[in-house]
N, C-alpha and C. Protein backbone atom coordinates (compact mmCIF):
# COMPACT_ATOMS: atom_id res chain seq x y z
N MET A 1 1.80 15.39 0.69
CA MET A 1 1.03 14.57 1.58
C MET A 1 -0.41 14.62 1.13
N PHE A 2 -1.05 13.49 1.12
CA PHE A 2 -2.47 13.51 0.85
C PHE A 2 -3.15 12.48 1.72
N GLY A 3 -4.41 12.70 1.95
CA GLY A 3 -5.16 11.77 2.77
C GLY A 3 -6.45 11.38 2.08
N LEU A 4 -6.80 10.14 2.22
CA LEU A 4 -8.07 9.65 1.70
C LEU A 4 -8.92 9.24 2.88
N ARG A 5 -10.14 9.73 2.91
CA ARG A 5 -11.05 9.34 3.98
C ARG A 5 -12.28 8.73 3.35
N GLN A 6 -12.73 7.67 3.92
CA GLN A 6 -13.97 7.07 3.47
C GLN A 6 -14.91 7.00 4.66
N ARG A 7 -15.88 6.17 4.64
CA ARG A 7 -17.03 6.16 5.55
C ARG A 7 -16.77 6.36 7.04
N ASP A 8 -16.09 5.48 7.68
CA ASP A 8 -16.05 5.40 9.15
C ASP A 8 -15.03 6.37 9.75
N ASN A 9 -15.50 7.39 10.45
CA ASN A 9 -14.59 8.36 11.06
C ASN A 9 -13.93 7.83 12.32
N ASN A 10 -14.36 6.69 12.84
CA ASN A 10 -13.76 6.13 14.05
C ASN A 10 -12.71 5.07 13.75
N SER A 11 -12.43 4.84 12.50
CA SER A 11 -11.49 3.78 12.13
C SER A 11 -10.05 4.25 12.29
N PRO A 12 -9.12 3.29 12.44
CA PRO A 12 -7.71 3.67 12.54
C PRO A 12 -7.20 4.24 11.22
N VAL A 13 -6.11 4.99 11.31
CA VAL A 13 -5.51 5.62 10.14
C VAL A 13 -4.30 4.80 9.69
N LEU A 14 -4.20 4.57 8.39
CA LEU A 14 -3.01 3.95 7.82
C LEU A 14 -2.10 5.08 7.37
N LEU A 15 -0.90 5.15 7.94
CA LEU A 15 0.06 6.19 7.60
C LEU A 15 1.17 5.57 6.77
N LEU A 16 1.29 6.01 5.52
CA LEU A 16 2.34 5.54 4.62
C LEU A 16 3.29 6.69 4.33
N THR A 17 4.57 6.41 4.36
CA THR A 17 5.55 7.44 3.99
C THR A 17 6.33 6.95 2.79
N GLY A 18 6.84 7.89 2.02
CA GLY A 18 7.60 7.51 0.84
C GLY A 18 8.62 8.55 0.44
N THR A 19 9.64 8.07 -0.23
CA THR A 19 10.66 8.93 -0.82
C THR A 19 10.75 8.55 -2.28
N ILE A 20 9.98 9.22 -3.11
CA ILE A 20 9.95 8.87 -4.53
C ILE A 20 11.26 9.22 -5.21
N ASP A 21 11.78 10.40 -4.96
CA ASP A 21 13.05 10.82 -5.56
C ASP A 21 14.14 10.73 -4.51
N SER A 22 14.76 9.57 -4.41
CA SER A 22 15.76 9.35 -3.36
C SER A 22 17.08 10.05 -3.63
N THR A 23 17.23 10.69 -4.79
CA THR A 23 18.48 11.41 -5.07
C THR A 23 18.66 12.59 -4.12
N VAL A 24 17.58 13.12 -3.58
CA VAL A 24 17.72 14.24 -2.64
C VAL A 24 18.44 13.82 -1.36
N TYR A 25 18.47 12.51 -1.12
CA TYR A 25 19.19 11.97 0.03
C TYR A 25 20.39 11.14 -0.44
N ASN A 26 20.86 11.43 -1.64
CA ASN A 26 22.02 10.73 -2.23
C ASN A 26 21.81 9.22 -2.34
N ASN A 27 20.55 8.80 -2.47
CA ASN A 27 20.20 7.38 -2.64
C ASN A 27 20.74 6.49 -1.52
N VAL A 28 20.99 7.05 -0.37
CA VAL A 28 21.56 6.29 0.74
C VAL A 28 20.61 5.16 1.14
N GLY A 29 21.11 3.94 1.10
CA GLY A 29 20.36 2.78 1.54
C GLY A 29 19.30 2.28 0.58
N ASN A 30 19.22 2.82 -0.62
CA ASN A 30 18.19 2.41 -1.57
C ASN A 30 18.77 1.57 -2.69
N LYS A 31 18.16 0.42 -2.94
CA LYS A 31 18.57 -0.41 -4.06
C LYS A 31 17.89 0.04 -5.34
N ILE A 32 16.67 0.53 -5.22
CA ILE A 32 15.93 1.01 -6.38
C ILE A 32 16.03 2.53 -6.38
N VAL A 33 16.73 3.07 -7.37
CA VAL A 33 16.96 4.51 -7.42
C VAL A 33 16.25 5.19 -8.59
N ASP A 34 15.70 4.41 -9.51
CA ASP A 34 14.98 4.98 -10.65
C ASP A 34 13.67 5.61 -10.16
N VAL A 35 13.52 6.90 -10.40
CA VAL A 35 12.36 7.65 -9.89
C VAL A 35 11.05 7.08 -10.44
N ASN A 36 11.01 6.75 -11.72
CA ASN A 36 9.77 6.22 -12.31
C ASN A 36 9.39 4.87 -11.70
N GLU A 37 10.38 4.03 -11.47
CA GLU A 37 10.10 2.73 -10.85
C GLU A 37 9.60 2.91 -9.42
N ARG A 38 10.24 3.81 -8.69
CA ARG A 38 9.82 4.07 -7.31
C ARG A 38 8.39 4.64 -7.28
N LEU A 39 8.10 5.57 -8.19
CA LEU A 39 6.76 6.15 -8.27
C LEU A 39 5.72 5.08 -8.53
N LEU A 40 5.97 4.20 -9.50
CA LEU A 40 5.02 3.13 -9.81
C LEU A 40 4.81 2.22 -8.62
N GLN A 41 5.86 1.93 -7.88
CA GLN A 41 5.72 1.07 -6.70
C GLN A 41 4.85 1.73 -5.62
N TYR A 42 5.09 3.00 -5.36
CA TYR A 42 4.28 3.70 -4.36
C TYR A 42 2.82 3.80 -4.81
N GLU A 43 2.60 4.14 -6.09
CA GLU A 43 1.23 4.24 -6.59
C GLU A 43 0.51 2.90 -6.50
N SER A 44 1.20 1.83 -6.84
CA SER A 44 0.61 0.50 -6.75
C SER A 44 0.24 0.15 -5.31
N CYS A 45 1.11 0.49 -4.40
CA CYS A 45 0.86 0.23 -2.98
C CYS A 45 -0.35 1.02 -2.48
N ILE A 46 -0.40 2.29 -2.82
CA ILE A 46 -1.52 3.14 -2.38
C ILE A 46 -2.83 2.61 -2.95
N GLU A 47 -2.82 2.28 -4.23
CA GLU A 47 -4.04 1.76 -4.86
C GLU A 47 -4.50 0.46 -4.19
N ARG A 48 -3.55 -0.41 -3.89
CA ARG A 48 -3.90 -1.68 -3.24
C ARG A 48 -4.54 -1.43 -1.88
N TYR A 49 -3.97 -0.52 -1.10
CA TYR A 49 -4.55 -0.23 0.21
C TYR A 49 -5.93 0.40 0.09
N ILE A 50 -6.14 1.24 -0.90
CA ILE A 50 -7.46 1.85 -1.08
C ILE A 50 -8.49 0.78 -1.43
N LYS A 51 -8.13 -0.10 -2.33
CA LYS A 51 -9.09 -1.08 -2.84
C LYS A 51 -9.24 -2.32 -1.98
N GLU A 52 -8.17 -2.74 -1.30
CA GLU A 52 -8.19 -4.05 -0.67
C GLU A 52 -8.03 -4.06 0.85
N SER A 53 -7.73 -2.94 1.45
CA SER A 53 -7.52 -2.96 2.90
C SER A 53 -8.78 -2.53 3.63
N PRO A 54 -8.86 -2.86 4.91
CA PRO A 54 -10.01 -2.43 5.70
C PRO A 54 -9.91 -0.97 6.14
N PHE A 55 -8.77 -0.32 5.87
CA PHE A 55 -8.59 1.06 6.31
C PHE A 55 -9.50 2.00 5.52
N THR A 56 -10.13 2.90 6.25
CA THR A 56 -10.96 3.91 5.59
C THR A 56 -10.31 5.29 5.65
N LYS A 57 -9.21 5.39 6.39
CA LYS A 57 -8.42 6.62 6.41
C LYS A 57 -6.99 6.25 6.04
N ILE A 58 -6.52 6.82 4.93
CA ILE A 58 -5.17 6.53 4.45
C ILE A 58 -4.45 7.84 4.23
N VAL A 59 -3.26 7.96 4.79
CA VAL A 59 -2.43 9.15 4.63
C VAL A 59 -1.11 8.72 4.01
N PHE A 60 -0.70 9.41 2.94
CA PHE A 60 0.60 9.16 2.32
C PHE A 60 1.42 10.44 2.41
N ILE A 61 2.58 10.35 3.01
CA ILE A 61 3.48 11.49 3.13
C ILE A 61 4.70 11.23 2.26
N GLU A 62 4.89 12.07 1.25
CA GLU A 62 6.04 11.98 0.34
C GLU A 62 7.07 12.99 0.85
N ASN A 63 8.25 12.51 1.22
CA ASN A 63 9.20 13.38 1.90
C ASN A 63 10.40 13.84 1.08
N SER A 64 10.40 13.60 -0.24
CA SER A 64 11.53 14.06 -1.05
C SER A 64 11.23 15.35 -1.80
N GLY A 65 10.00 15.81 -1.72
CA GLY A 65 9.62 17.00 -2.48
C GLY A 65 9.18 16.70 -3.89
N TYR A 66 9.06 15.42 -4.24
CA TYR A 66 8.61 15.03 -5.57
C TYR A 66 7.17 15.51 -5.76
N PRO A 67 6.84 16.05 -6.94
CA PRO A 67 5.47 16.55 -7.17
C PRO A 67 4.49 15.40 -7.38
N PHE A 68 4.12 14.74 -6.31
CA PHE A 68 3.23 13.58 -6.36
C PHE A 68 1.81 14.03 -6.68
N ASP A 69 1.23 13.44 -7.72
CA ASP A 69 -0.12 13.80 -8.14
C ASP A 69 -1.12 12.81 -7.54
N ALA A 70 -1.76 13.21 -6.47
CA ALA A 70 -2.70 12.33 -5.77
C ALA A 70 -4.07 12.31 -6.42
N LYS A 71 -4.31 13.19 -7.38
CA LYS A 71 -5.65 13.32 -7.96
C LYS A 71 -6.14 12.03 -8.61
N LYS A 72 -5.23 11.20 -9.10
CA LYS A 72 -5.66 9.96 -9.76
C LYS A 72 -6.32 8.99 -8.78
N PHE A 73 -6.13 9.21 -7.49
CA PHE A 73 -6.70 8.31 -6.49
C PHE A 73 -8.08 8.77 -6.01
N ILE A 74 -8.49 9.95 -6.41
CA ILE A 74 -9.78 10.48 -5.96
C ILE A 74 -10.94 9.58 -6.36
N ALA A 75 -10.91 9.10 -7.59
CA ALA A 75 -12.01 8.25 -8.08
C ALA A 75 -12.12 6.95 -7.30
N MET A 76 -11.04 6.52 -6.67
CA MET A 76 -11.05 5.27 -5.92
C MET A 76 -11.64 5.43 -4.53
N ALA A 77 -11.65 6.64 -4.02
CA ALA A 77 -12.11 6.89 -2.65
C ALA A 77 -13.48 7.54 -2.67
N GLU A 78 -14.28 7.22 -1.67
CA GLU A 78 -15.61 7.83 -1.57
C GLU A 78 -15.52 9.28 -1.12
N ASN A 79 -14.55 9.58 -0.28
CA ASN A 79 -14.35 10.93 0.24
C ASN A 79 -12.85 11.15 0.30
N CYS A 80 -12.38 12.18 -0.35
CA CYS A 80 -10.94 12.38 -0.44
C CYS A 80 -10.57 13.78 -0.02
N GLU A 81 -9.51 13.88 0.74
CA GLU A 81 -8.98 15.17 1.15
C GLU A 81 -7.51 15.20 0.74
N ILE A 82 -7.14 16.14 -0.10
CA ILE A 82 -5.75 16.24 -0.56
C ILE A 82 -5.11 17.44 0.11
N MET A 83 -3.95 17.20 0.70
CA MET A 83 -3.21 18.27 1.35
C MET A 83 -1.85 18.35 0.68
N GLY A 84 -1.46 19.54 0.27
CA GLY A 84 -0.15 19.70 -0.34
C GLY A 84 0.95 19.50 0.68
N GLY A 85 2.11 19.12 0.21
CA GLY A 85 3.21 18.90 1.12
C GLY A 85 4.52 18.98 0.37
N GLY A 86 5.57 18.64 1.00
CA GLY A 86 6.87 18.66 0.39
C GLY A 86 7.94 18.58 1.45
N GLU A 87 9.13 18.52 1.00
CA GLU A 87 10.25 18.39 1.91
C GLU A 87 10.24 19.54 2.93
N GLY A 88 10.32 19.19 4.18
CA GLY A 88 10.39 20.20 5.23
C GLY A 88 9.05 20.76 5.67
N ARG A 89 7.97 20.49 4.93
CA ARG A 89 6.66 21.03 5.29
C ARG A 89 5.80 20.03 6.01
N ASN A 90 6.15 18.77 5.96
CA ASN A 90 5.28 17.74 6.52
C ASN A 90 4.97 17.96 7.99
N LEU A 91 5.94 18.39 8.77
CA LEU A 91 5.67 18.64 10.19
C LEU A 91 4.73 19.82 10.37
N ASN A 92 4.81 20.80 9.47
CA ASN A 92 3.91 21.95 9.55
C ASN A 92 2.47 21.54 9.27
N LEU A 93 2.27 20.44 8.57
CA LEU A 93 0.92 19.98 8.24
C LEU A 93 0.36 19.06 9.31
N PHE A 94 1.14 18.81 10.36
CA PHE A 94 0.68 17.88 11.39
C PHE A 94 -0.67 18.26 11.99
N PRO A 95 -0.97 19.55 12.24
CA PRO A 95 -2.31 19.87 12.76
C PRO A 95 -3.42 19.42 11.80
N GLU A 96 -3.22 19.60 10.50
CA GLU A 96 -4.23 19.13 9.54
C GLU A 96 -4.35 17.62 9.59
N LEU A 97 -3.21 16.94 9.67
CA LEU A 97 -3.20 15.49 9.73
C LEU A 97 -3.89 15.01 11.00
N SER A 98 -3.62 15.70 12.11
CA SER A 98 -4.25 15.32 13.38
C SER A 98 -5.77 15.45 13.30
N ASN A 99 -6.25 16.50 12.65
CA ASN A 99 -7.70 16.67 12.49
C ASN A 99 -8.28 15.56 11.64
N MET A 100 -7.55 15.14 10.63
CA MET A 100 -8.03 14.08 9.76
C MET A 100 -8.13 12.76 10.50
N MET A 101 -7.25 12.55 11.47
CA MET A 101 -7.23 11.29 12.20
C MET A 101 -8.37 11.18 13.21
N LYS A 102 -9.04 12.28 13.49
CA LYS A 102 -10.13 12.26 14.47
C LYS A 102 -11.32 11.50 13.94
């Protein structure tokens, strides 16, 4: 899980979730199962929201345990906060996420 924060602390938060490696869930319900293709799609989506959306707080939660490298997005954000996460830990990070949403 990682969060990007920019200027306005009173703005709404965009919460994005993703399953980059859907094999951990036996690819149930997924047409795209290639991990690299899924990763590129999520990265493209995150980049688009950083650059083109009005959101100044963006949180991405990756729930398959894939080692998502959020560092490449730091240069795109004015203020960035990266929080580690992984399968089963996302709920434990909720207090950190709640603080970020304030």
